[in-house]
Amino acid sequence: MILLFKSYKKTFILFALFIAILLYFLYKYNNILNQRTLDILVSNQVQIAQNELENQKNQALSLALMFSKNQDIIENLSQNKNIELKKELVKLIEIIKTYTKQKIDIQIHTKDLEVFTRSWEDKDFGLKLESFREGLVKVKNTQEPYVSSELGKRFNIKAIAPIFDRNNTFIGSIEVIVDFSLLVERLKAFGINSLVLLETKYLDIAEYHKSNKILENFIILQNSFNKNLFEILSKNPEYLKNDKFYYETKDKIITQIPLGNFENSSVGVLLICFDKNIKNFSYLPKYEYLGDITIKQDKKDFKNNQKKEIIIR
């Protein structure tokens, strides 16, 4: 009887041990599954933000390409008529605003990378931009259009297209400037709150943003932003680092997307925050940040407005 009891006891212990091991591995597997689901969610939301950013760049670039063919712009630049050219730019901007609700600014540069005229102000004529405007230098050297999130007196999306006269001679460039406000609004429609952040060390160049709200080592470019997100970041400054793919709070995910470089150093980031318990989301393919878009085309064909290929750098 005692031997039978010991046998049952041994069997019970082995069974309990087996159940405990099984439950442990089920727990580990469930954690792995939950982590994978969360990783897919984050990748999906990041892809949405990146796609919206690229859409904004492409729209700005389309406008720059279109305006670069405007004969009034070409003639006024050729004849050094900056006042008349500004009037033309203002008219174009009003047309865009009326039909698309999109707010843009336009700047025209000479072939020597000097300010020729600006749609938003009447100053800095003749200012040399070569020292801090990498995009302009790139367009002058390649004579091809280019769009990026670029640092200047403001940090925003800048789409630049070369301008050629009737003899197909490079005479300057046109720049369509779009801030990040529309991008922020678009992301809200996807349940994504965001902050556009500029590194404070670049405020000596981006002087337009000197009075903006500071968050650790960043300047917030929006005048209006999500106060709850600001509080979370203020209390958890480690979330502003780029040490991890994403950070988790009790019910939120926070991650960031690079917005551009200056002299091979990060200028700013798009920080996004969303609910970690989103139930319905698409399982989209993985997205890798690929950087700025350059439209590559033969110079002769570009002058004939024939787009060749798009290279993503």
C-alpha atoms as a PDB file:
ATOM      1  CA  MET A   1       0.000   0.000   0.000  1.00  0.00           C
ATOM      2  CA  ILE A   2       2.830   2.333   0.904  1.00  0.00           C
ATOM      3  CA  LEU A   3       4.618   1.457  -2.321  1.00  0.00           C
ATOM      4  CA  LEU A   4       1.442   2.151  -4.303  1.00  0.00           C
ATOM      5  CA  PHE A   5       1.057   5.521  -2.571  1.00  0.00           C
ATOM      6  CA  LYS A   6       4.661   6.424  -3.331  1.00  0.00           C
ATOM      7  CA  SER A   7       4.137   5.414  -6.955  1.00  0.00           C
ATOM      8  CA  TYR A   8       1.031   7.642  -7.243  1.00  0.00           C
ATOM      9  CA  LYS A   9       2.894  10.489  -5.543  1.00  0.00           C
ATOM     10  CA  LYS A  10       5.791  10.185  -7.933  1.00  0.00           C
ATOM     11  CA  THR A  11       3.399  10.079 -10.889  1.00  0.00           C
ATOM     12  CA  PHE A  12       1.551  13.136  -9.592  1.00  0.00           C
ATOM     13  CA  ILE A  13       4.783  15.072  -9.134  1.00  0.00           C
ATOM     14  CA  LEU A  14       5.940  14.179 -12.641  1.00  0.00           C
ATOM     15  CA  PHE A  15       2.540  15.142 -14.061  1.00  0.00           C
ATOM     16  CA  ALA A  16       2.546  18.448 -12.165  1.00  0.00           C
ATOM     17  CA  LEU A  17       6.077  19.136 -13.361  1.00  0.00           C
ATOM     18  CA  PHE A  18       5.028  18.370 -16.931  1.00  0.00           C
ATOM     19  CA  ILE A  19       2.051  20.749 -16.650  1.00  0.00           C
ATOM     20  CA  ALA A  20       4.261  23.451 -15.148  1.00  0.00           C
ATOM     21  CA  ILE A  21       6.787  23.117 -17.981  1.00  0.00           C
ATOM     22  CA  LEU A  22       3.986  23.124 -20.545  1.00  0.00           C
ATOM     23  CA  LEU A  23       2.440  26.250 -19.038  1.00  0.00           C
ATOM     24  CA  TYR A  24       5.842  27.946 -18.968  1.00  0.00           C
ATOM     25  CA  PHE A  25       6.459  27.298 -22.650  1.00  0.00           C
ATOM     26  CA  LEU A  26       2.910  28.336 -23.504  1.00  0.00           C
ATOM     27  CA  TYR A  27       3.514  31.566 -21.581  1.00  0.00           C
ATOM     28  CA  LYS A  28       6.788  32.161 -23.440  1.00  0.00           C
ATOM     29  CA  TYR A  29       5.170  31.355 -26.775  1.00  0.00           C
ATOM     30  CA  ASN A  30       2.261  33.699 -26.045  1.00  0.00           C
ATOM     31  CA  ASN A  31       4.712  36.492 -25.166  1.00  0.00           C
ATOM     32  CA  ILE A  32       6.626  35.888 -28.393  1.00  0.00           C
ATOM     33  CA  LEU A  33       3.368  35.912 -30.355  1.00  0.00           C
ATOM     34  CA  ASN A  34       2.220  39.124 -28.664  1.00  0.00           C
ATOM     35  CA  GLN A  35       5.600  40.737 -29.275  1.00  0.00           C
ATOM     36  CA  ARG A  36       5.514  39.762 -32.939  1.00  0.00           C
ATOM     37  CA  THR A  37       1.994  41.177 -33.293  1.00  0.00           C
ATOM     38  CA  LEU A  38       3.146  44.407 -31.656  1.00  0.00           C
ATOM     39  CA  ASP A  39       6.205  44.587 -33.933  1.00  0.00           C
ATOM     40  CA  ILE A  40       3.953  44.216 -36.981  1.00  0.00           C
ATOM     41  CA  LEU A  41       1.646  46.954 -35.674  1.00  0.00           C
ATOM     42  CA  VAL A  42       4.560  49.337 -35.135  1.00  0.00           C
ATOM     43  CA  SER A  43       6.014  48.564 -38.569  1.00  0.00           C
ATOM     44  CA  ASN A  44       2.611  49.198 -40.113  1.00  0.00           C
ATOM     45  CA  GLN A  45       2.162  52.574 -38.400  1.00  0.00           C
ATOM     46  CA  VAL A  46       5.716  53.607 -39.261  1.00  0.00           C
ATOM     47  CA  GLN A  47       5.070  52.726 -42.884  1.00  0.00           C
ATOM     48  CA  ILE A  48       1.911  54.838 -42.899  1.00  0.00           C
ATOM     49  CA  ALA A  49       3.866  57.832 -41.558  1.00  0.00           C
ATOM     50  CA  GLN A  50       6.702  57.337 -44.043  1.00  0.00           C
ATOM     51  CA  ASN A  51       4.306  56.979 -46.945  1.00  0.00           C
ATOM     52  CA  GLU A  52       2.487  60.178 -45.960  1.00  0.00           C
ATOM     53  CA  LEU A  53       5.829  61.987 -45.705  1.00  0.00           C
ATOM     54  CA  GLU A  54       6.825  60.779 -49.170  1.00  0.00           C
ATOM     55  CA  ASN A  55       3.427  61.858 -50.528  1.00  0.00           C
ATOM     56  CA  GLN A  56       4.031  65.367 -49.226  1.00  0.00           C
ATOM     57  CA  LYS A  57       7.467  65.419 -50.862  1.00  0.00           C
ATOM     58  CA  ASN A  58       6.128  64.157 -54.171  1.00  0.00           C
ATOM     59  CA  GLN A  59       3.353  66.755 -54.238  1.00  0.00           C
ATOM     60  CA  ALA A  60       5.861  69.543 -53.570  1.00  0.00           C
ATOM     61  CA  LEU A  61       8.185  68.188 -56.259  1.00  0.00           C
ATOM     62  CA  SER A  62       5.337  68.019 -58.793  1.00  0.00           C
ATOM     63  CA  LEU A  63       4.589  71.695 -58.183  1.00  0.00           C
ATOM     64  CA  ALA A  64       8.254  72.667 -58.473  1.00  0.00           C
ATOM     65  CA  LEU A  65       8.556  70.819 -61.794  1.00  0.00           C
ATOM     66  CA  MET A  66       5.391  72.442 -63.106  1.00  0.00           C
ATOM     67  CA  PHE A  67       6.402  75.971 -62.058  1.00  0.00           C
ATOM     68  CA  SER A  68       9.907  75.560 -63.514  1.00  0.00           C
ATOM     69  CA  LYS A  69       8.258  75.466 -66.967  1.00  0.00           C
ATOM     70  CA  ASN A  70       6.191  78.619 -66.387  1.00  0.00           C
ATOM     71  CA  GLN A  71       7.219  81.099 -69.085  1.00  0.00           C
ATOM     72  CA  ASP A  72       6.503  84.167 -66.942  1.00  0.00           C
ATOM     73  CA  ILE A  73       8.851  82.831 -64.261  1.00  0.00           C
ATOM     74  CA  ILE A  74      11.531  82.032 -66.834  1.00  0.00           C
ATOM     75  CA  GLU A  75      11.316  85.423 -68.517  1.00  0.00           C
ATOM     76  CA  ASN A  76      11.312  87.453 -65.284  1.00  0.00           C
ATOM     77  CA  LEU A  77      14.312  85.528 -63.968  1.00  0.00           C
ATOM     78  CA  SER A  78      16.146  85.910 -67.300  1.00  0.00           C
ATOM     79  CA  GLN A  79      15.481  89.664 -67.318  1.00  0.00           C
ATOM     80  CA  ASN A  80      16.342  90.138 -63.644  1.00  0.00           C
ATOM     81  CA  LYS A  81      12.822  91.347 -62.738  1.00  0.00           C
ATOM     82  CA  ASN A  82      12.452  90.103 -59.164  1.00  0.00           C
ATOM     83  CA  ILE A  83       9.510  92.362 -58.225  1.00  0.00           C
ATOM     84  CA  GLU A  84       7.443  91.247 -61.228  1.00  0.00           C
ATOM     85  CA  LEU A  85       8.405  87.649 -60.527  1.00  0.00           C
ATOM     86  CA  LYS A  86       7.195  87.861 -56.960  1.00  0.00           C
ATOM     87  CA  LYS A  87       3.784  89.068 -58.178  1.00  0.00           C
ATOM     88  CA  GLU A  88       3.596  86.006 -60.423  1.00  0.00           C
ATOM     89  CA  LEU A  89       4.513  83.711 -57.535  1.00  0.00           C
ATOM     90  CA  VAL A  90       1.808  85.200 -55.313  1.00  0.00           C
ATOM     91  CA  LYS A  91      -0.781  84.570 -58.028  1.00  0.00           C
ATOM     92  CA  LEU A  92       0.321  80.957 -58.412  1.00  0.00           C
ATOM     93  CA  ILE A  93       0.207  80.381 -54.678  1.00  0.00           C
ATOM     94  CA  GLU A  94      -3.331  81.733 -54.462  1.00  0.00           C
ATOM     95  CA  ILE A  95      -4.432  79.380 -57.236  1.00  0.00           C
ATOM     96  CA  ILE A  96      -2.908  76.393 -55.431  1.00  0.00           C
ATOM     97  CA  LYS A  97      -4.467  77.426 -52.138  1.00  0.00           C
ATOM     98  CA  THR A  98      -7.911  77.921 -53.706  1.00  0.00           C
ATOM     99  CA  TYR A  99      -8.081  74.539 -55.396  1.00  0.00           C
ATOM    100  CA  THR A 100      -6.054  72.315 -53.042  1.00  0.00           C
ATOM    101  CA  LYS A 101      -6.199  74.112 -49.660  1.00  0.00           C
ATOM    102  CA  GLN A 102      -2.453  73.549 -49.511  1.00  0.00           C
ATOM    103  CA  LYS A 103      -0.257  76.342 -48.174  1.00  0.00           C
ATOM    104  CA  ILE A 104       3.095  76.675 -49.894  1.00  0.00           C
ATOM    105  CA  ASP A 105       5.891  79.194 -50.209  1.00  0.00           C
ATOM    106  CA  ILE A 106       8.124  79.654 -53.244  1.00  0.00           C
ATOM    107  CA  GLN A 107      11.674  80.901 -53.541  1.00  0.00           C
ATOM    108  CA  ILE A 108      13.627  81.606 -56.715  1.00  0.00           C
ATOM    109  CA  HIS A 109      17.426  81.395 -56.805  1.00  0.00           C
ATOM    110  CA  THR A 110      19.941  82.618 -59.330  1.00  0.00           C
ATOM    111  CA  LYS A 111      22.388  80.273 -61.028  1.00  0.00           C
ATOM    112  CA  ASP A 112      24.951  81.430 -58.427  1.00  0.00           C
ATOM    113  CA  LEU A 113      22.687  80.193 -55.584  1.00  0.00           C
ATOM    114  CA  GLU A 114      21.660  83.639 -54.421  1.00  0.00           C
ATOM    115  CA  VAL A 115      18.151  84.630 -53.336  1.00  0.00           C
ATOM    116  CA  PHE A 116      16.371  86.222 -56.299  1.00  0.00           C
ATOM    117  CA  THR A 117      12.903  86.591 -54.812  1.00  0.00           C
ATOM    118  CA  ARG A 118      10.660  85.067 -52.152  1.00  0.00           C
ATOM    119  CA  SER A 119       6.900  84.810 -52.040  1.00  0.00           C
ATOM    120  CA  TRP A 120       6.652  85.418 -48.294  1.00  0.00           C
ATOM    121  CA  GLU A 121       8.965  88.387 -47.710  1.00  0.00           C
ATOM    122  CA  ASP A 122      10.915  91.183 -49.386  1.00  0.00           C
ATOM    123  CA  LYS A 123      14.407  90.803 -48.016  1.00  0.00           C
ATOM    124  CA  ASP A 124      17.661  88.874 -48.335  1.00  0.00           C
ATOM    125  CA  PHE A 125      17.872  89.593 -52.083  1.00  0.00           C
ATOM    126  CA  GLY A 126      21.315  88.486 -53.197  1.00  0.00           C
ATOM    127  CA  LEU A 127      21.890  86.395 -50.056  1.00  0.00           C
ATOM    128  CA  LYS A 128      24.260  83.518 -50.839  1.00  0.00           C
ATOM    129  CA  LEU A 129      22.791  80.158 -49.818  1.00  0.00           C
ATOM    130  CA  GLU A 130      25.539  77.788 -50.891  1.00  0.00           C
ATOM    131  CA  SER A 131      27.110  77.387 -47.449  1.00  0.00           C
ATOM    132  CA  PHE A 132      24.077  75.834 -45.729  1.00  0.00           C
ATOM    133  CA  ARG A 133      21.680  74.682 -48.476  1.00  0.00           C
ATOM    134  CA  GLU A 134      22.896  71.263 -49.593  1.00  0.00           C
ATOM    135  CA  GLY A 135      19.852  70.663 -51.794  1.00  0.00           C
ATOM    136  CA  LEU A 136      20.496  73.795 -53.846  1.00  0.00           C
ATOM    137  CA  VAL A 137      24.116  72.825 -54.412  1.00  0.00           C
ATOM    138  CA  LYS A 138      22.987  69.380 -55.513  1.00  0.00           C
ATOM    139  CA  VAL A 139      20.496  70.788 -58.042  1.00  0.00           C
ATOM    140  CA  LYS A 140      23.059  73.224 -59.450  1.00  0.00           C
ATOM    141  CA  ASN A 141      25.678  70.508 -59.860  1.00  0.00           C
ATOM    142  CA  THR A 142      23.361  67.866 -61.336  1.00  0.00           C
ATOM    143  CA  GLN A 143      20.800  70.212 -62.934  1.00  0.00           C
ATOM    144  CA  GLU A 144      18.173  67.687 -61.874  1.00  0.00           C
ATOM    145  CA  PRO A 145      15.178  68.148 -59.539  1.00  0.00           C
ATOM    146  CA  TYR A 146      15.494  67.112 -55.911  1.00  0.00           C
ATOM    147  CA  VAL A 147      13.252  66.977 -52.849  1.00  0.00           C
ATOM    148  CA  SER A 148      14.076  66.435 -49.194  1.00  0.00           C
ATOM    149  CA  SER A 149      13.410  67.559 -45.655  1.00  0.00           C
ATOM    150  CA  GLU A 150      16.083  70.231 -45.588  1.00  0.00           C
ATOM    151  CA  LEU A 151      17.520  72.692 -43.138  1.00  0.00           C
ATOM    152  CA  GLY A 152      17.421  76.392 -43.927  1.00  0.00           C
ATOM    153  CA  LYS A 153      16.103  79.392 -42.031  1.00  0.00           C
ATOM    154  CA  ARG A 154      13.166  77.035 -41.595  1.00  0.00           C
ATOM    155  CA  PHE A 155      13.220  73.254 -41.389  1.00  0.00           C
ATOM    156  CA  ASN A 156      10.641  71.850 -43.795  1.00  0.00           C
ATOM    157  CA  ILE A 157      10.080  70.024 -47.078  1.00  0.00           C
ATOM    158  CA  LYS A 158      11.915  71.701 -49.933  1.00  0.00           C
ATOM    159  CA  ALA A 159      11.376  70.642 -53.537  1.00  0.00           C
ATOM    160  CA  ILE A 160      13.822  72.217 -55.974  1.00  0.00           C
ATOM    161  CA  ALA A 161      13.765  72.171 -59.778  1.00  0.00           C
ATOM    162  CA  PRO A 162      16.288  73.765 -62.154  1.00  0.00           C
ATOM    163  CA  ILE A 163      15.132  76.522 -64.510  1.00  0.00           C
ATOM    164  CA  PHE A 164      16.356  76.678 -68.089  1.00  0.00           C
ATOM    165  CA  ASP A 165      15.882  79.537 -70.533  1.00  0.00           C
ATOM    166  CA  ARG A 166      14.806  79.248 -74.186  1.00  0.00           C
ATOM    167  CA  ASN A 167      18.343  78.242 -75.137  1.00  0.00           C
ATOM    168  CA  ASN A 168      18.322  75.392 -72.605  1.00  0.00           C
ATOM    169  CA  THR A 169      20.836  77.243 -70.445  1.00  0.00           C
ATOM    170  CA  PHE A 170      20.647  76.817 -66.671  1.00  0.00           C
ATOM    171  CA  ILE A 171      19.675  80.197 -65.196  1.00  0.00           C
ATOM    172  CA  GLY A 172      18.626  79.309 -61.662  1.00  0.00           C
ATOM    173  CA  SER A 173      16.187  77.182 -59.695  1.00  0.00           C
ATOM    174  CA  ILE A 174      12.747  77.281 -58.131  1.00  0.00           C
ATOM    175  CA  GLU A 175      11.961  75.949 -54.687  1.00  0.00           C
ATOM    176  CA  VAL A 176       8.539  74.949 -53.399  1.00  0.00           C
ATOM    177  CA  ILE A 177       8.451  74.947 -49.606  1.00  0.00           C
ATOM    178  CA  VAL A 178       5.896  72.999 -47.571  1.00  0.00           C
ATOM    179  CA  ASP A 179       5.831  72.792 -43.786  1.00  0.00           C
ATOM    180  CA  PHE A 180       4.901  69.644 -41.871  1.00  0.00           C
ATOM    181  CA  SER A 181       1.472  70.824 -40.678  1.00  0.00           C
ATOM    182  CA  LEU A 182      -0.474  68.960 -43.362  1.00  0.00           C
ATOM    183  CA  LEU A 183       1.503  65.790 -42.629  1.00  0.00           C
ATOM    184  CA  VAL A 184       0.624  66.065 -38.924  1.00  0.00           C
ATOM    185  CA  GLU A 185      -3.066  66.506 -39.753  1.00  0.00           C
ATOM    186  CA  ARG A 186      -3.027  63.585 -42.171  1.00  0.00           C
ATOM    187  CA  LEU A 187      -1.502  61.289 -39.544  1.00  0.00           C
ATOM    188  CA  LYS A 188      -4.244  62.182 -37.079  1.00  0.00           C
ATOM    189  CA  ALA A 189      -6.724  60.569 -39.475  1.00  0.00           C
ATOM    190  CA  PHE A 190      -4.835  57.288 -38.929  1.00  0.00           C
ATOM    191  CA  GLY A 191      -4.936  57.646 -35.147  1.00  0.00           C
ATOM    192  CA  ILE A 192      -1.296  58.765 -35.022  1.00  0.00           C
ATOM    193  CA  ASN A 193      -0.235  61.778 -32.959  1.00  0.00           C
ATOM    194  CA  SER A 194       3.076  63.300 -33.966  1.00  0.00           C
ATOM    195  CA  LEU A 195       5.680  65.911 -33.159  1.00  0.00           C
ATOM    196  CA  VAL A 196       8.122  67.344 -35.678  1.00  0.00           C
ATOM    197  CA  LEU A 197      11.381  67.871 -33.805  1.00  0.00           C
ATOM    198  CA  LEU A 198      14.464  69.842 -34.812  1.00  0.00           C
ATOM    199  CA  GLU A 199      17.827  69.463 -33.069  1.00  0.00           C
ATOM    200  CA  THR A 200      18.471  72.605 -31.015  1.00  0.00           C
ATOM    201  CA  LYS A 201      22.096  72.753 -32.206  1.00  0.00           C
ATOM    202  CA  TYR A 202      20.833  73.928 -35.605  1.00  0.00           C
ATOM    203  CA  LEU A 203      18.972  76.983 -34.334  1.00  0.00           C
ATOM    204  CA  ASP A 204      21.805  79.219 -35.490  1.00  0.00           C
ATOM    205  CA  ILE A 205      20.718  78.319 -39.034  1.00  0.00           C
ATOM    206  CA  ALA A 206      16.981  77.702 -38.491  1.00  0.00           C
ATOM    207  CA  GLU A 207      16.440  81.104 -36.921  1.00  0.00           C
ATOM    208  CA  TYR A 208      12.687  81.116 -37.663  1.00  0.00           C
ATOM    209  CA  HIS A 209      12.198  78.486 -34.954  1.00  0.00           C
ATOM    210  CA  LYS A 210      14.094  80.162 -32.102  1.00  0.00           C
ATOM    211  CA  SER A 211      10.935  81.033 -30.187  1.00  0.00           C
ATOM    212  CA  ASN A 212       9.390  77.551 -30.458  1.00  0.00           C
ATOM    213  CA  LYS A 213       8.820  75.223 -27.502  1.00  0.00           C
ATOM    214  CA  ILE A 214      11.883  73.273 -26.363  1.00  0.00           C
ATOM    215  CA  LEU A 215      11.763  69.577 -25.451  1.00  0.00           C
ATOM    216  CA  GLU A 216      15.107  68.317 -24.126  1.00  0.00           C
ATOM    217  CA  ASN A 217      17.547  68.698 -27.057  1.00  0.00           C
ATOM    218  CA  PHE A 218      14.809  69.381 -29.585  1.00  0.00           C
ATOM    219  CA  ILE A 219      12.649  72.248 -30.779  1.00  0.00           C
ATOM    220  CA  ILE A 220       9.002  71.433 -31.521  1.00  0.00           C
ATOM    221  CA  LEU A 221       8.187  72.930 -34.909  1.00  0.00           C
ATOM    222  CA  GLN A 222       4.396  72.958 -34.422  1.00  0.00           C
ATOM    223  CA  ASN A 223       2.831  75.817 -32.526  1.00  0.00           C
ATOM    224  CA  SER A 224      -0.082  73.531 -31.662  1.00  0.00           C
ATOM    225  CA  PHE A 225       0.634  69.980 -30.543  1.00  0.00           C
ATOM    226  CA  ASN A 226      -0.727  67.133 -28.415  1.00  0.00           C
ATOM    227  CA  LYS A 227      -0.240  68.156 -24.787  1.00  0.00           C
ATOM    228  CA  ASN A 228      -0.569  64.594 -23.450  1.00  0.00           C
ATOM    229  CA  LEU A 229       2.236  63.429 -25.711  1.00  0.00           C
ATOM    230  CA  PHE A 230       4.361  66.371 -24.602  1.00  0.00           C
ATOM    231  CA  GLU A 231       3.815  65.412 -20.948  1.00  0.00           C
ATOM    232  CA  ILE A 232       4.764  61.781 -21.602  1.00  0.00           C
ATOM    233  CA  LEU A 233       7.996  62.832 -23.287  1.00  0.00           C
ATOM    234  CA  SER A 234       8.800  65.411 -20.614  1.00  0.00           C
ATOM    235  CA  LYS A 235       8.517  62.743 -17.901  1.00  0.00           C
ATOM    236  CA  ASN A 236      10.317  60.090 -19.962  1.00  0.00           C
ATOM    237  CA  PRO A 237      13.124  61.838 -21.896  1.00  0.00           C
ATOM    238  CA  GLU A 238      14.629  58.443 -22.785  1.00  0.00           C
ATOM    239  CA  TYR A 239      11.774  58.075 -25.294  1.00  0.00           C
ATOM    240  CA  LEU A 240      13.455  60.812 -27.332  1.00  0.00           C
ATOM    241  CA  LYS A 241      16.530  58.677 -27.837  1.00  0.00           C
ATOM    242  CA  ASN A 242      16.955  56.374 -30.785  1.00  0.00           C
ATOM    243  CA  ASP A 243      18.339  53.416 -28.844  1.00  0.00           C
ATOM    244  CA  LYS A 244      15.338  51.177 -29.565  1.00  0.00           C
ATOM    245  CA  PHE A 245      12.963  50.608 -32.458  1.00  0.00           C
ATOM    246  CA  TYR A 246      10.112  51.786 -30.226  1.00  0.00           C
ATOM    247  CA  TYR A 247       9.175  52.487 -26.623  1.00  0.00           C
ATOM    248  CA  GLU A 248       6.103  51.265 -24.766  1.00  0.00           C
ATOM    249  CA  THR A 249       4.038  53.020 -22.141  1.00  0.00           C
ATOM    250  CA  LYS A 250       1.014  51.459 -20.478  1.00  0.00           C
ATOM    251  CA  ASP A 251      -1.170  51.854 -23.563  1.00  0.00           C
ATOM    252  CA  LYS A 252       0.942  53.786 -26.098  1.00  0.00           C
ATOM    253  CA  ILE A 253       3.760  53.146 -28.522  1.00  0.00           C
ATOM    254  CA  ILE A 254       6.319  55.859 -29.296  1.00  0.00           C
ATOM    255  CA  THR A 255       8.819  55.697 -32.116  1.00  0.00           C
ATOM    256  CA  GLN A 256      10.565  58.093 -34.480  1.00  0.00           C
ATOM    257  CA  ILE A 257      11.417  58.522 -38.142  1.00  0.00           C
ATOM    258  CA  PRO A 258      14.477  60.476 -39.352  1.00  0.00           C
ATOM    259  CA  LEU A 259      13.644  63.620 -41.305  1.00  0.00           C
ATOM    260  CA  GLY A 260      16.937  64.674 -42.796  1.00  0.00           C
ATOM    261  CA  ASN A 261      20.655  65.222 -42.423  1.00  0.00           C
ATOM    262  CA  PHE A 262      23.013  68.164 -42.499  1.00  0.00           C
ATOM    263  CA  GLU A 263      26.699  67.452 -43.049  1.00  0.00           C
ATOM    264  CA  ASN A 264      26.007  63.751 -42.336  1.00  0.00           C
ATOM    265  CA  SER A 265      24.377  64.482 -38.982  1.00  0.00           C
ATOM    266  CA  SER A 266      20.694  64.094 -38.108  1.00  0.00           C
ATOM    267  CA  VAL A 267      18.767  67.366 -38.236  1.00  0.00           C
ATOM    268  CA  GLY A 268      15.385  66.299 -36.904  1.00  0.00           C
ATOM    269  CA  VAL A 269      12.861  63.519 -36.476  1.00  0.00           C
ATOM    270  CA  LEU A 270       9.178  62.858 -36.831  1.00  0.00           C
ATOM    271  CA  LEU A 271       8.125  61.373 -33.509  1.00  0.00           C
ATOM    272  CA  ILE A 272       4.882  59.385 -33.671  1.00  0.00           C
ATOM    273  CA  CYS A 273       2.660  58.006 -30.915  1.00  0.00           C
ATOM    274  CA  PHE A 274      -0.330  55.677 -31.222  1.00  0.00           C
ATOM    275  CA  ASP A 275      -2.512  53.278 -29.204  1.00  0.00           C
ATOM    276  CA  LYS A 276      -0.849  49.878 -28.738  1.00  0.00           C
ATOM    277  CA  ASN A 277      -4.253  48.171 -28.519  1.00  0.00           C
ATOM    278  CA  ILE A 278      -5.436  48.980 -32.028  1.00  0.00           C
ATOM    279  CA  LYS A 279      -7.610  46.020 -32.969  1.00  0.00           C
ATOM    280  CA  ASN A 280      -7.932  46.402 -36.710  1.00  0.00           C
ATOM    281  CA  PHE A 281      -4.833  47.092 -38.724  1.00  0.00           C
ATOM    282  CA  SER A 282      -3.505  45.836 -42.021  1.00  0.00           C
ATOM    283  CA  TYR A 283      -0.596  43.430 -42.064  1.00  0.00           C
ATOM    284  CA  LEU A 284       1.447  45.392 -44.538  1.00  0.00           C
ATOM    285  CA  PRO A 285       4.918  44.333 -45.725  1.00  0.00           C
ATOM    286  CA  LYS A 286       7.928  45.503 -43.778  1.00  0.00           C
ATOM    287  CA  TYR A 287       9.098  49.014 -44.641  1.00  0.00           C
ATOM    288  CA  GLU A 288      12.638  50.237 -44.478  1.00  0.00           C
ATOM    289  CA  TYR A 289      13.384  53.943 -44.456  1.00  0.00           C
ATOM    290  CA  LEU A 290      15.042  54.685 -47.772  1.00  0.00           C
ATOM    291  CA  GLY A 291      15.792  58.377 -47.513  1.00  0.00           C
ATOM    292  CA  ASP A 292      15.225  61.213 -49.905  1.00  0.00           C
ATOM    293  CA  ILE A 293      13.960  60.909 -53.453  1.00  0.00           C
ATOM    294  CA  THR A 294      15.902  62.154 -56.440  1.00  0.00           C
ATOM    295  CA  ILE A 295      14.313  62.125 -59.869  1.00  0.00           C
ATOM    296  CA  LYS A 296      17.036  61.009 -62.218  1.00  0.00           C
ATOM    297  CA  GLN A 297      16.759  61.967 -65.848  1.00  0.00           C
ATOM    298  CA  ASP A 298      18.810  62.924 -68.821  1.00  0.00           C
ATOM    299  CA  LYS A 299      19.425  66.690 -68.917  1.00  0.00           C
ATOM    300  CA  LYS A 300      18.250  67.013 -72.478  1.00  0.00           C
ATOM    301  CA  ASP A 301      15.100  65.007 -71.804  1.00  0.00           C
ATOM    302  CA  PHE A 302      14.415  66.973 -68.626  1.00  0.00           C
ATOM    303  CA  LYS A 303      14.377  70.195 -70.597  1.00  0.00           C
ATOM    304  CA  ASN A 304      11.740  68.566 -72.785  1.00  0.00           C
ATOM    305  CA  ASN A 305       9.866  67.663 -69.576  1.00  0.00           C
ATOM    306  CA  GLN A 306      10.186  63.919 -70.115  1.00  0.00           C
ATOM    307  CA  LYS A 307      10.612  62.099 -66.812  1.00  0.00           C
ATOM    308  CA  LYS A 308      12.840  59.048 -67.022  1.00  0.00           C
ATOM    309  CA  GLU A 309      13.230  57.185 -63.775  1.00  0.00           C
ATOM    310  CA  ILE A 310      13.008  57.632 -60.044  1.00  0.00           C
ATOM    311  CA  ILE A 311      15.920  56.672 -57.844  1.00  0.00           C
ATOM    312  CA  ILE A 312      15.295  56.315 -54.121  1.00  0.00           C
ATOM    313  CA  ARG A 313      18.410  57.015 -52.134  1.00  0.00           C
END
